[in-house]
Each structure stands twice: as structure tokens, then as C-alpha cells.
Amino acid sequence: MRSAGKSDIGLVRKVNEDDFLCLKLNDLLKIKNPEADLYLCVVADGMGGRNAGEVASSMAVNEIVEFIKEKHINVLLEKGTPEEQIFDLIREAIRYSNDCIYKKSLLNSEFIGMGTTLSMILIKENTLFYGHVGDSRIYIIRKNEITKITEDHSLVAELVKQGTIKPEEAVSHPQKNIITRALGTEYNIEADLGKHEMVQGDYVLLCSDGLSNLIEDNEIMKIVLSAKDVDLACDNLILKAKENGGFDNITVVVIHNDKDGDSNDR
């Protein structure tokens, strides 16, 4: 498994309010010869006044890692962990992160109303488990096909679902950036959960909307497949988003299920 992640401030924003994580938990905990390799990747896109968005996204990533590392890592590293335990872990990690952000926003006037999207994956034994809140995205690229496995929690996505606007109208809709669900904005949060079986050669891509708003899905796929490695795929995707305007912060994580390659996690 090879993986890389990168974030760029873009060409317009003064602060990068995105954050991300891409790592092999076995290496983080220095566990040798584990029963199963376990990968964790997260992308968060913060929102709020002043530096509140930056704080929210950073907290989301850090609290997710701490929750998993401190409370549940031993169960995950065992072979044959029941799927429901993994889904419960993702659900509770997101709720814990939401609680931390929400409480911080109540205790400090600078952070009132802050929030963040969150898209996270756990990969174990070739099964990808995900949790998702907001309009960051998770894609699977298999051969010459790209599939978005998350649903945007946004106003335009709701309008498309209701038939009020057409999918092609959503791309340039003036209210495109309004999200309907985010971590930290309410006491309770409900995340979308799911899983996807991976095969050798698959790519997984997580990104903030600073990428997906500026590059069409098929173009994302072409850039990933044409890159010689996952590092270059991240670089080329960010470069293309900036060529197309770079109006927002741009964050992307790319994972390649290449069993013959060395891990490049970061």
C-alpha cells in the first residue's frame, strides 16, 4: 500500500483551513508483525471566522487519532475484527471529535460557530471503512472508472436530489458552498458510514472541495492514473486546481493498493 497527502493554501485564501492525515497505524504505534495492517486517512475542511476554521479542522483530525489510538487500537489490530465494531469505532470517534469542537466553540467567543467537514477511512484486510460529514469527498478509482462513494451534505446536493436543479447546474450554483452538516456546529452529529472492498490496483482519493469544485471527476481519474507515483498524483492534482482558479484551499490524499510497493505513508 502506497499513500501520500498534501495541502495547499490556493491562490485566494489568506489562511489554509484544511487539515489532513495519512498514516499506517502499525508504524505509529511501533507494532512489529501485527495480525493486520491498518491504515487511517482523514481530510477536514474548516469553516468559521478568524482562524476558527483552521482550529476546527486541526482538532477534528487530532481528536480522531487520539480517540482511536488510546481506546481501540488493540481491537483493530486483531485479525477478523467484526465489521460492526469498526463501524461503531468510526461513529464514536466522529462523535467524540464533534463534542470536543463544539465545547471549545462554546468556551471561546473567537470560535463561536466554527465547524469542519470530515471524511475518514480505515483500511483493514483490503476492506475500506469510511465515515463522512460535509462536502469533502472520497473516491475509488478502479481501472478506468472513478466512483464517488460519499454523498455531499450540501444545499446544492439537496436541490439536485429534489429535482429543483440539474446536476450540471450545481457546478456553478451561487450557493454551492453552503453545507448542511458539519462537525462542531451542533451538539449531536450523525455521520454517513459505509464500506468498500478493495482489489489490487485500486486507488482511493480523499479531497476537500477546493479540489473537487475545480476538477471534474474524470479529469481527477486521468491525473491520478497518469502519475508515476502517489506523491506526483497529489502534486499534479493541486497544480491543476490552481490552474483552474485555486479559489479555495486544496487538500488531497491518494492511496494506491499496490501490494508490491513500500509504504509511503505520511
C-alpha atoms as a PDB file:
ATOM      1  CA  MET A   1       0.000   0.000   0.000  1.00  0.00           C
ATOM      2  CA  ARG A   2       1.390   3.390  -1.003  1.00  0.00           C
ATOM      3  CA  SER A   3      -0.079   6.668   0.191  1.00  0.00           C
ATOM      4  CA  ALA A   4       0.574  10.397   0.228  1.00  0.00           C
ATOM      5  CA  GLY A   5      -1.283  13.534   1.213  1.00  0.00           C
ATOM      6  CA  LYS A   6      -0.735  17.224   0.535  1.00  0.00           C
ATOM      7  CA  SER A   7      -2.466  20.529   1.247  1.00  0.00           C
ATOM      8  CA  ASP A   8      -2.125  23.924  -0.443  1.00  0.00           C
ATOM      9  CA  ILE A   9      -3.484  27.319   0.526  1.00  0.00           C
ATOM     10  CA  GLY A  10      -4.569  28.007  -3.067  1.00  0.00           C
ATOM     11  CA  LEU A  11      -4.389  31.358  -4.816  1.00  0.00           C
ATOM     12  CA  VAL A  12      -7.020  33.425  -2.995  1.00  0.00           C
ATOM     13  CA  ARG A  13      -7.346  32.497   0.679  1.00  0.00           C
ATOM     14  CA  LYS A  14      -5.045  34.027   3.297  1.00  0.00           C
ATOM     15  CA  VAL A  15      -5.215  31.025   5.651  1.00  0.00           C
ATOM     16  CA  ASN A  16      -5.273  27.305   4.961  1.00  0.00           C
ATOM     17  CA  GLU A  17      -8.265  25.993   6.921  1.00  0.00           C
ATOM     18  CA  ASP A  18      -7.863  22.428   5.613  1.00  0.00           C
ATOM     19  CA  ASP A  19      -6.105  19.659   7.506  1.00  0.00           C
ATOM     20  CA  PHE A  20      -5.362  16.033   6.725  1.00  0.00           C
ATOM     21  CA  LEU A  21      -3.778  12.864   7.999  1.00  0.00           C
ATOM     22  CA  CYS A  22      -2.426   9.849   6.148  1.00  0.00           C
ATOM     23  CA  LEU A  23      -0.654   7.106   8.112  1.00  0.00           C
ATOM     24  CA  LYS A  24      -0.179   3.451   8.871  1.00  0.00           C
ATOM     25  CA  LEU A  25      -1.266   2.964  12.463  1.00  0.00           C
ATOM     26  CA  ASN A  26       1.053  -0.015  12.910  1.00  0.00           C
ATOM     27  CA  ASP A  27       4.058   2.244  12.299  1.00  0.00           C
ATOM     28  CA  LEU A  28       2.696   4.997  14.524  1.00  0.00           C
ATOM     29  CA  LEU A  29       2.491   2.583  17.465  1.00  0.00           C
ATOM     30  CA  LYS A  30       5.708   0.736  16.520  1.00  0.00           C
ATOM     31  CA  ILE A  31       3.943  -2.622  16.374  1.00  0.00           C
ATOM     32  CA  LYS A  32       6.010  -5.299  14.650  1.00  0.00           C
ATOM     33  CA  ASN A  33       4.442  -8.265  12.858  1.00  0.00           C
ATOM     34  CA  PRO A  34       0.811  -7.294  13.517  1.00  0.00           C
ATOM     35  CA  GLU A  35      -2.094  -9.609  12.746  1.00  0.00           C
ATOM     36  CA  ALA A  36      -3.364  -6.998  10.278  1.00  0.00           C
ATOM     37  CA  ASP A  37      -2.087  -3.760   8.725  1.00  0.00           C
ATOM     38  CA  LEU A  38      -4.310  -0.800   9.460  1.00  0.00           C
ATOM     39  CA  TYR A  39      -4.357   2.496   7.572  1.00  0.00           C
ATOM     40  CA  LEU A  40      -6.056   5.693   8.678  1.00  0.00           C
ATOM     41  CA  CYS A  41      -6.623   8.726   6.433  1.00  0.00           C
ATOM     42  CA  VAL A  42      -8.596  11.880   7.206  1.00  0.00           C
ATOM     43  CA  VAL A  43      -9.429  15.103   5.343  1.00  0.00           C
ATOM     44  CA  ALA A  44     -11.098  18.045   7.113  1.00  0.00           C
ATOM     45  CA  ASP A  45     -12.137  21.405   5.646  1.00  0.00           C
ATOM     46  CA  GLY A  46     -12.732  24.001   8.352  1.00  0.00           C
ATOM     47  CA  MET A  47     -15.101  26.946   8.411  1.00  0.00           C
ATOM     48  CA  GLY A  48     -15.650  29.916  10.711  1.00  0.00           C
ATOM     49  CA  GLY A  49     -14.467  33.449  11.339  1.00  0.00           C
ATOM     50  CA  ARG A  50     -10.874  34.498  12.044  1.00  0.00           C
ATOM     51  CA  ASN A  51      -8.799  31.343  12.498  1.00  0.00           C
ATOM     52  CA  ALA A  52     -11.723  29.264  13.769  1.00  0.00           C
ATOM     53  CA  GLY A  53     -11.897  27.065  10.666  1.00  0.00           C
ATOM     54  CA  GLU A  54      -8.237  26.223  10.982  1.00  0.00           C
ATOM     55  CA  VAL A  55      -8.757  25.306  14.640  1.00  0.00           C
ATOM     56  CA  ALA A  56     -11.805  23.138  13.896  1.00  0.00           C
ATOM     57  CA  SER A  57     -10.154  21.107  11.122  1.00  0.00           C
ATOM     58  CA  SER A  58      -6.987  20.581  13.156  1.00  0.00           C
ATOM     59  CA  MET A  59      -8.995  19.462  16.166  1.00  0.00           C
ATOM     60  CA  ALA A  60     -11.074  17.094  14.048  1.00  0.00           C
ATOM     61  CA  VAL A  61      -8.000  15.281  12.756  1.00  0.00           C
ATOM     62  CA  ASN A  62      -6.149  15.198  16.078  1.00  0.00           C
ATOM     63  CA  GLU A  63      -9.109  14.064  18.164  1.00  0.00           C
ATOM     64  CA  ILE A  64      -9.936  11.262  15.724  1.00  0.00           C
ATOM     65  CA  VAL A  65      -6.386   9.920  16.005  1.00  0.00           C
ATOM     66  CA  GLU A  66      -6.254  10.206  19.786  1.00  0.00           C
ATOM     67  CA  PHE A  67      -9.620   8.503  20.227  1.00  0.00           C
ATOM     68  CA  ILE A  68      -8.596   5.541  18.073  1.00  0.00           C
ATOM     69  CA  LYS A  69      -5.064   5.287  19.431  1.00  0.00           C
ATOM     70  CA  GLU A  70      -5.931   5.498  23.106  1.00  0.00           C
ATOM     71  CA  LYS A  71      -9.088   3.425  23.244  1.00  0.00           C
ATOM     72  CA  HIS A  72      -9.479   0.999  20.390  1.00  0.00           C
ATOM     73  CA  ILE A  73      -6.251   0.221  18.574  1.00  0.00           C
ATOM     74  CA  ASN A  74      -5.738  -3.244  20.103  1.00  0.00           C
ATOM     75  CA  VAL A  75      -9.123  -4.469  18.885  1.00  0.00           C
ATOM     76  CA  LEU A  76      -8.491  -3.123  15.398  1.00  0.00           C
ATOM     77  CA  LEU A  77      -5.107  -4.799  15.073  1.00  0.00           C
ATOM     78  CA  GLU A  78      -6.550  -8.219  15.749  1.00  0.00           C
ATOM     79  CA  LYS A  79      -7.434 -10.363  12.784  1.00  0.00           C
ATOM     80  CA  GLY A  80     -11.104 -10.735  11.924  1.00  0.00           C
ATOM     81  CA  THR A  81     -12.473  -7.782  13.865  1.00  0.00           C
ATOM     82  CA  PRO A  82     -16.291  -7.794  13.380  1.00  0.00           C
ATOM     83  CA  GLU A  83     -17.425  -5.112  10.952  1.00  0.00           C
ATOM     84  CA  GLU A  84     -19.904  -3.677  13.427  1.00  0.00           C
ATOM     85  CA  GLN A  85     -17.080  -2.977  15.878  1.00  0.00           C
ATOM     86  CA  ILE A  86     -15.234  -0.998  13.231  1.00  0.00           C
ATOM     87  CA  PHE A  87     -18.361   0.952  12.272  1.00  0.00           C
ATOM     88  CA  ASP A  88     -19.020   1.651  15.961  1.00  0.00           C
ATOM     89  CA  LEU A  89     -15.453   2.884  16.350  1.00  0.00           C
ATOM     90  CA  ILE A  90     -15.742   5.288  13.411  1.00  0.00           C
ATOM     91  CA  ARG A  91     -19.120   6.540  14.591  1.00  0.00           C
ATOM     92  CA  GLU A  92     -17.912   7.132  18.154  1.00  0.00           C
ATOM     93  CA  ALA A  93     -14.631   8.722  17.030  1.00  0.00           C
ATOM     94  CA  ILE A  94     -16.561  11.250  14.942  1.00  0.00           C
ATOM     95  CA  ARG A  95     -18.988  11.949  17.762  1.00  0.00           C
ATOM     96  CA  TYR A  96     -16.104  12.436  20.188  1.00  0.00           C
ATOM     97  CA  SER A  97     -14.370  14.830  17.782  1.00  0.00           C
ATOM     98  CA  ASN A  98     -17.625  16.729  17.275  1.00  0.00           C
ATOM     99  CA  ASP A  99     -18.089  17.038  21.037  1.00  0.00           C
ATOM    100  CA  CYS A 100     -14.562  18.445  21.508  1.00  0.00           C
ATOM    101  CA  ILE A 101     -15.005  21.067  18.769  1.00  0.00           C
ATOM    102  CA  TYR A 102     -18.495  22.048  19.908  1.00  0.00           C
ATOM    103  CA  LYS A 103     -17.420  22.521  23.523  1.00  0.00           C
ATOM    104  CA  LYS A 104     -14.406  24.607  22.509  1.00  0.00           C
ATOM    105  CA  SER A 105     -16.653  26.862  20.427  1.00  0.00           C
ATOM    106  CA  LEU A 106     -18.854  27.480  23.481  1.00  0.00           C
ATOM    107  CA  LEU A 107     -15.940  28.326  25.750  1.00  0.00           C
ATOM    108  CA  ASN A 108     -14.239  30.880  23.497  1.00  0.00           C
ATOM    109  CA  SER A 109     -16.045  33.709  21.719  1.00  0.00           C
ATOM    110  CA  GLU A 110     -13.456  33.669  18.905  1.00  0.00           C
ATOM    111  CA  PHE A 111     -14.575  30.175  17.952  1.00  0.00           C
ATOM    112  CA  ILE A 112     -18.357  30.561  18.074  1.00  0.00           C
ATOM    113  CA  GLY A 113     -19.934  28.832  15.093  1.00  0.00           C
ATOM    114  CA  MET A 114     -16.772  27.095  13.938  1.00  0.00           C
ATOM    115  CA  GLY A 115     -17.070  23.745  12.244  1.00  0.00           C
ATOM    116  CA  THR A 116     -15.450  21.432   9.747  1.00  0.00           C
ATOM    117  CA  THR A 117     -16.191  18.754   7.215  1.00  0.00           C
ATOM    118  CA  LEU A 118     -14.691  15.342   7.894  1.00  0.00           C
ATOM    119  CA  SER A 119     -14.049  12.400   5.597  1.00  0.00           C
ATOM    120  CA  MET A 120     -12.110   9.499   7.096  1.00  0.00           C
ATOM    121  CA  ILE A 121     -11.218   5.967   6.119  1.00  0.00           C
ATOM    122  CA  LEU A 122      -9.868   2.917   7.901  1.00  0.00           C
ATOM    123  CA  ILE A 123      -8.400   0.256   5.613  1.00  0.00           C
ATOM    124  CA  LYS A 124      -8.027  -3.212   7.079  1.00  0.00           C
ATOM    125  CA  GLU A 125      -7.554  -6.528   5.279  1.00  0.00           C
ATOM    126  CA  ASN A 126      -8.470  -4.929   1.922  1.00  0.00           C
ATOM    127  CA  THR A 127     -11.730  -3.525   3.247  1.00  0.00           C
ATOM    128  CA  LEU A 128     -12.186   0.233   3.320  1.00  0.00           C
ATOM    129  CA  PHE A 129     -14.475   1.542   6.068  1.00  0.00           C
ATOM    130  CA  TYR A 130     -15.453   5.203   5.960  1.00  0.00           C
ATOM    131  CA  GLY A 131     -17.146   7.924   7.956  1.00  0.00           C
ATOM    132  CA  HIS A 132     -18.281  11.154   6.328  1.00  0.00           C
ATOM    133  CA  VAL A 133     -19.744  14.531   7.281  1.00  0.00           C
ATOM    134  CA  GLY A 134     -19.942  17.556   4.942  1.00  0.00           C
ATOM    135  CA  ASP A 135     -18.857  18.058   1.346  1.00  0.00           C
ATOM    136  CA  SER A 136     -15.316  16.762   1.277  1.00  0.00           C
ATOM    137  CA  ARG A 137     -15.249  13.573  -0.778  1.00  0.00           C
ATOM    138  CA  ILE A 138     -13.966  10.016  -1.009  1.00  0.00           C
ATOM    139  CA  TYR A 139     -13.453   8.397  -4.415  1.00  0.00           C
ATOM    140  CA  ILE A 140     -12.477   4.910  -5.561  1.00  0.00           C
ATOM    141  CA  ILE A 141     -10.597   4.617  -8.862  1.00  0.00           C
ATOM    142  CA  ARG A 142     -10.581   1.124 -10.375  1.00  0.00           C
ATOM    143  CA  LYS A 143      -9.078   0.607 -13.798  1.00  0.00           C
ATOM    144  CA  ASN A 144     -10.669   3.351 -15.924  1.00  0.00           C
ATOM    145  CA  GLU A 145     -13.618   4.168 -13.692  1.00  0.00           C
ATOM    146  CA  ILE A 146     -13.975   6.643 -10.829  1.00  0.00           C
ATOM    147  CA  THR A 147     -16.745   6.321  -8.244  1.00  0.00           C
ATOM    148  CA  LYS A 148     -17.676   8.863  -5.575  1.00  0.00           C
ATOM    149  CA  ILE A 149     -18.632   6.769  -2.551  1.00  0.00           C
ATOM    150  CA  THR A 150     -19.716   9.658  -0.325  1.00  0.00           C
ATOM    151  CA  GLU A 151     -22.730  11.926  -0.612  1.00  0.00           C
ATOM    152  CA  ASP A 152     -22.245  15.689  -0.277  1.00  0.00           C
ATOM    153  CA  HIS A 153     -24.062  17.194   2.693  1.00  0.00           C
ATOM    154  CA  SER A 154     -24.708  20.467   0.922  1.00  0.00           C
ATOM    155  CA  LEU A 155     -27.580  22.669  -0.171  1.00  0.00           C
ATOM    156  CA  VAL A 156     -26.996  22.078  -3.879  1.00  0.00           C
ATOM    157  CA  ALA A 157     -26.847  18.313  -3.365  1.00  0.00           C
ATOM    158  CA  GLU A 158     -30.250  18.516  -1.699  1.00  0.00           C
ATOM    159  CA  LEU A 159     -31.587  20.643  -4.547  1.00  0.00           C
ATOM    160  CA  VAL A 160     -30.344  18.109  -7.103  1.00  0.00           C
ATOM    161  CA  LYS A 161     -31.891  15.254  -5.126  1.00  0.00           C
ATOM    162  CA  GLN A 162     -35.215  17.095  -5.005  1.00  0.00           C
ATOM    163  CA  GLY A 163     -35.076  17.783  -8.741  1.00  0.00           C
ATOM    164  CA  THR A 164     -35.065  21.548  -8.198  1.00  0.00           C
ATOM    165  CA  ILE A 165     -31.836  21.955 -10.184  1.00  0.00           C
ATOM    166  CA  LYS A 166     -29.978  19.743 -12.621  1.00  0.00           C
ATOM    167  CA  PRO A 167     -26.602  18.186 -11.712  1.00  0.00           C
ATOM    168  CA  GLU A 168     -24.810  20.378 -14.259  1.00  0.00           C
ATOM    169  CA  GLU A 169     -26.362  23.490 -12.661  1.00  0.00           C
ATOM    170  CA  ALA A 170     -24.910  22.549  -9.272  1.00  0.00           C
ATOM    171  CA  VAL A 171     -21.381  23.132 -10.510  1.00  0.00           C
ATOM    172  CA  SER A 172     -21.811  26.905 -10.775  1.00  0.00           C
ATOM    173  CA  HIS A 173     -24.676  27.419  -8.329  1.00  0.00           C
ATOM    174  CA  PRO A 174     -24.207  30.618  -6.222  1.00  0.00           C
ATOM    175  CA  GLN A 175     -24.954  28.696  -3.001  1.00  0.00           C
ATOM    176  CA  LYS A 176     -22.626  25.828  -3.814  1.00  0.00           C
ATOM    177  CA  ASN A 177     -20.525  26.314  -0.672  1.00  0.00           C
ATOM    178  CA  ILE A 178     -23.389  26.024   1.823  1.00  0.00           C
ATOM    179  CA  ILE A 179     -23.092  22.731   3.692  1.00  0.00           C
ATOM    180  CA  THR A 180     -25.939  21.170   5.636  1.00  0.00           C
ATOM    181  CA  ARG A 181     -23.933  19.046   8.064  1.00  0.00           C
ATOM    182  CA  ALA A 182     -20.601  19.741   9.787  1.00  0.00           C
ATOM    183  CA  LEU A 183     -18.629  18.743  12.866  1.00  0.00           C
ATOM    184  CA  GLY A 184     -18.757  21.197  15.761  1.00  0.00           C
ATOM    185  CA  THR A 185     -21.804  23.220  14.801  1.00  0.00           C
ATOM    186  CA  GLU A 186     -24.320  21.206  16.836  1.00  0.00           C
ATOM    187  CA  TYR A 187     -24.275  19.101  19.989  1.00  0.00           C
ATOM    188  CA  ASN A 188     -25.151  15.918  18.117  1.00  0.00           C
ATOM    189  CA  ILE A 189     -23.801  14.734  14.782  1.00  0.00           C
ATOM    190  CA  GLU A 190     -24.750  11.822  12.546  1.00  0.00           C
ATOM    191  CA  ALA A 191     -22.098  10.609  10.125  1.00  0.00           C
ATOM    192  CA  ASP A 192     -22.623   8.591   6.961  1.00  0.00           C
ATOM    193  CA  LEU A 193     -20.899   5.213   7.304  1.00  0.00           C
ATOM    194  CA  GLY A 194     -20.065   2.615   4.692  1.00  0.00           C
ATOM    195  CA  LYS A 195     -17.538   0.127   3.381  1.00  0.00           C
ATOM    196  CA  HIS A 196     -15.947  -0.792   0.076  1.00  0.00           C
ATOM    197  CA  GLU A 197     -13.988  -3.926  -0.818  1.00  0.00           C
ATOM    198  CA  MET A 198     -10.647  -3.121  -2.436  1.00  0.00           C
ATOM    199  CA  VAL A 199      -8.701  -5.095  -5.023  1.00  0.00           C
ATOM    200  CA  GLN A 200      -5.093  -4.795  -6.056  1.00  0.00           C
ATOM    201  CA  GLY A 201      -4.521  -1.755  -8.254  1.00  0.00           C
ATOM    202  CA  ASP A 202      -7.319   0.314  -6.714  1.00  0.00           C
ATOM    203  CA  TYR A 203      -6.747   3.970  -5.860  1.00  0.00           C
ATOM    204  CA  VAL A 204      -8.569   5.741  -3.043  1.00  0.00           C
ATOM    205  CA  LEU A 205      -8.739   9.528  -3.076  1.00  0.00           C
ATOM    206  CA  LEU A 206      -9.938  11.864  -0.317  1.00  0.00           C
ATOM    207  CA  CYS A 207     -10.186  15.582  -1.015  1.00  0.00           C
ATOM    208  CA  SER A 208     -11.618  18.876   0.122  1.00  0.00           C
ATOM    209  CA  ASP A 209     -14.000  20.765  -2.162  1.00  0.00           C
ATOM    210  CA  GLY A 210     -11.151  23.059  -3.160  1.00  0.00           C
ATOM    211  CA  LEU A 211     -10.151  20.208  -5.447  1.00  0.00           C
ATOM    212  CA  SER A 212     -13.489  18.668  -6.449  1.00  0.00           C
ATOM    213  CA  ASN A 213     -15.077  22.048  -7.259  1.00  0.00           C
ATOM    214  CA  LEU A 214     -12.352  22.823  -9.789  1.00  0.00           C
ATOM    215  CA  ILE A 215     -11.596  19.468 -11.428  1.00  0.00           C
ATOM    216  CA  GLU A 216     -14.226  17.172 -12.918  1.00  0.00           C
ATOM    217  CA  ASP A 217     -14.248  13.581 -11.681  1.00  0.00           C
ATOM    218  CA  ASN A 218     -12.980  12.047 -14.932  1.00  0.00           C
ATOM    219  CA  GLU A 219     -10.113  14.536 -15.037  1.00  0.00           C
ATOM    220  CA  ILE A 220      -9.214  13.626 -11.444  1.00  0.00           C
ATOM    221  CA  MET A 221      -9.048   9.988 -12.507  1.00  0.00           C
ATOM    222  CA  LYS A 222      -6.856  10.718 -15.531  1.00  0.00           C
ATOM    223  CA  ILE A 223      -4.391  12.749 -13.464  1.00  0.00           C
ATOM    224  CA  VAL A 224      -4.095  10.015 -10.831  1.00  0.00           C
ATOM    225  CA  LEU A 225      -3.661   7.194 -13.339  1.00  0.00           C
ATOM    226  CA  SER A 226      -1.088   9.088 -15.396  1.00  0.00           C
ATOM    227  CA  ALA A 227       1.155   9.951 -12.424  1.00  0.00           C
ATOM    228  CA  LYS A 228       4.178   7.738 -11.783  1.00  0.00           C
ATOM    229  CA  ASP A 229       3.508   7.632  -8.032  1.00  0.00           C
ATOM    230  CA  VAL A 230       1.067   8.885  -5.393  1.00  0.00           C
ATOM    231  CA  ASP A 231       3.258  11.866  -4.463  1.00  0.00           C
ATOM    232  CA  LEU A 232       3.213  13.145  -8.018  1.00  0.00           C
ATOM    233  CA  ALA A 233      -0.522  12.464  -8.278  1.00  0.00           C
ATOM    234  CA  CYS A 234      -1.114  14.811  -5.315  1.00  0.00           C
ATOM    235  CA  ASP A 235       1.179  17.463  -6.811  1.00  0.00           C
ATOM    236  CA  ASN A 236      -0.475  17.305 -10.224  1.00  0.00           C
ATOM    237  CA  LEU A 237      -3.997  17.466  -8.804  1.00  0.00           C
ATOM    238  CA  ILE A 238      -3.170  20.551  -6.743  1.00  0.00           C
ATOM    239  CA  LEU A 239      -1.425  22.164  -9.700  1.00  0.00           C
ATOM    240  CA  LYS A 240      -4.470  21.579 -11.920  1.00  0.00           C
ATOM    241  CA  ALA A 241      -6.859  23.009  -9.319  1.00  0.00           C
ATOM    242  CA  LYS A 242      -4.682  26.129  -9.113  1.00  0.00           C
ATOM    243  CA  GLU A 243      -4.556  26.398 -12.896  1.00  0.00           C
ATOM    244  CA  ASN A 244      -8.361  26.327 -12.817  1.00  0.00           C
ATOM    245  CA  GLY A 245      -8.531  29.212 -10.368  1.00  0.00           C
ATOM    246  CA  GLY A 246      -7.359  27.963  -6.964  1.00  0.00           C
ATOM    247  CA  PHE A 247     -10.222  29.807  -5.270  1.00  0.00           C
ATOM    248  CA  ASP A 248     -10.117  27.691  -2.106  1.00  0.00           C
ATOM    249  CA  ASN A 249      -7.680  25.676  -0.028  1.00  0.00           C
ATOM    250  CA  ILE A 250      -6.826  22.410  -1.787  1.00  0.00           C
ATOM    251  CA  THR A 251      -6.211  19.154   0.065  1.00  0.00           C
ATOM    252  CA  VAL A 252      -5.874  15.651  -1.353  1.00  0.00           C
ATOM    253  CA  VAL A 253      -4.858  12.208  -0.105  1.00  0.00           C
ATOM    254  CA  VAL A 254      -4.136   9.408  -2.577  1.00  0.00           C
ATOM    255  CA  ILE A 255      -3.749   5.734  -1.631  1.00  0.00           C
ATOM    256  CA  HIS A 256      -2.680   3.035  -4.071  1.00  0.00           C
ATOM    257  CA  ASN A 257      -3.381  -0.592  -3.210  1.00  0.00           C
ATOM    258  CA  ASP A 258      -0.049  -1.795  -4.572  1.00  0.00           C
ATOM    259  CA  LYS A 259       0.988  -4.806  -2.527  1.00  0.00           C
ATOM    260  CA  ASP A 260       4.427  -4.962  -4.132  1.00  0.00           C
ATOM    261  CA  GLY A 261       5.340  -1.400  -3.142  1.00  0.00           C
ATOM    262  CA  ASP A 262       6.789   0.020   0.031  1.00  0.00           C
ATOM    263  CA  SER A 263       4.507   2.133   2.160  1.00  0.00           C
ATOM    264  CA  ASN A 264       4.878   5.872   1.640  1.00  0.00           C
ATOM    265  CA  ASP A 265       2.536   6.958   4.404  1.00  0.00           C
ATOM    266  CA  ARG A 266       2.701  10.422   5.899  1.00  0.00           C
END
